[in-house]
């Protein structure tokens, strides 16, 4: 169920948000929601270059596998 949020922002930011929403033919609330979701996706997900670097780092992959295995068998301690 959608929630209502009250947000206090400066007039200049409000105008910028409203202008961007209008240029994308969106409501202000839809623009803010969409922009927020895009931001969250960008900071939570690994981009394609990072995943290539991770997959090519055999030492890192081995340590991740060992750590995962240790966690499953409850070895070590949580720090």
Protein backbone atom coordinates (compact mmCIF):
# COMPACT_ATOMS: atom_id res chain seq x y z
CA UNK A 1 0.00 0.00 0.00
CA UNK A 2 1.48 3.36 -0.98
CA UNK A 3 2.57 5.72 1.78
CA UNK A 4 2.37 9.49 1.85
CA UNK A 5 5.56 11.35 2.71
CA UNK A 6 5.88 15.04 3.49
CA UNK A 7 9.10 16.56 2.23
CA UNK A 8 10.44 20.04 2.93
CA UNK A 9 12.76 21.39 0.25
CA UNK A 10 14.09 24.76 -0.82
CA UNK A 11 12.23 26.66 -3.54
CA UNK A 12 15.07 26.41 -6.05
CA UNK A 13 15.24 22.61 -5.69
CA UNK A 14 11.46 22.37 -5.95
CA UNK A 15 11.54 24.31 -9.22
CA UNK A 16 14.32 22.13 -10.63
CA UNK A 17 12.48 18.93 -9.70
CA UNK A 18 9.21 20.26 -11.11
CA UNK A 19 10.93 21.27 -14.38
CA UNK A 20 12.55 17.85 -14.79
CA UNK A 21 9.27 16.11 -14.02
CA UNK A 22 7.48 18.23 -16.59
CA UNK A 23 10.14 17.56 -19.24
CA UNK A 24 9.60 13.80 -18.72
CA UNK A 25 5.82 14.20 -18.65
CA UNK A 26 5.66 12.90 -15.06
CA UNK A 27 4.07 14.06 -11.87
CA UNK A 28 6.46 15.49 -9.32
CA UNK A 29 5.92 12.56 -6.96
CA UNK A 30 6.51 10.04 -9.77
CA UNK A 31 9.69 11.84 -10.82
CA UNK A 32 11.05 11.85 -7.26
CA UNK A 33 10.17 8.17 -6.80
CA UNK A 34 11.78 7.17 -10.13
CA UNK A 35 14.91 9.25 -9.53
CA UNK A 36 15.27 7.79 -6.04
CA UNK A 37 14.93 4.22 -7.31
CA UNK A 38 17.54 4.86 -10.03
CA UNK A 39 19.92 6.27 -7.40
CA UNK A 40 19.42 3.26 -5.12
CA UNK A 41 20.04 0.85 -8.00
CA UNK A 42 23.27 2.66 -8.88
CA UNK A 43 24.71 2.52 -5.37
CA UNK A 44 23.54 -1.01 -4.53
CA UNK A 45 24.50 -2.85 -7.69
CA UNK A 46 27.92 -3.70 -9.06
CA UNK A 47 28.46 -2.28 -12.55
CA UNK A 48 29.70 -4.40 -15.45
CA UNK A 49 33.32 -3.22 -15.12
CA UNK A 50 33.44 -4.04 -11.42
CA UNK A 51 32.02 -7.54 -11.99
CA UNK A 52 34.63 -8.19 -14.71
CA UNK A 53 37.37 -7.11 -12.31
CA UNK A 54 35.94 -9.27 -9.51
CA UNK A 55 35.61 -12.35 -11.75
CA UNK A 56 39.17 -11.97 -13.02
CA UNK A 57 40.66 -11.76 -9.50
CA UNK A 58 41.26 -15.43 -8.66
CA UNK A 59 42.68 -14.65 -5.20
CA UNK A 60 39.58 -12.66 -4.26
CA UNK A 61 37.23 -15.36 -5.59
CA UNK A 62 39.04 -18.05 -3.61
CA UNK A 63 38.83 -15.96 -0.42
CA UNK A 64 35.12 -15.33 -1.03
CA UNK A 65 34.50 -19.06 -1.53
CA UNK A 66 36.46 -19.88 1.64
CA UNK A 67 34.61 -17.21 3.62
CA UNK A 68 31.27 -18.45 2.37
CA UNK A 69 32.19 -22.04 3.21
CA UNK A 70 33.37 -21.01 6.68
CA UNK A 71 30.15 -19.10 7.28
CA UNK A 72 28.01 -22.08 6.29
CA UNK A 73 29.96 -24.37 8.62
CA UNK A 74 29.91 -21.65 11.32
CA UNK A 75 33.69 -21.38 11.52
CA UNK A 76 35.35 -18.19 12.64
CA UNK A 77 33.68 -15.27 14.37
CA UNK A 78 31.61 -12.30 13.35
CA UNK A 79 33.57 -9.07 13.69
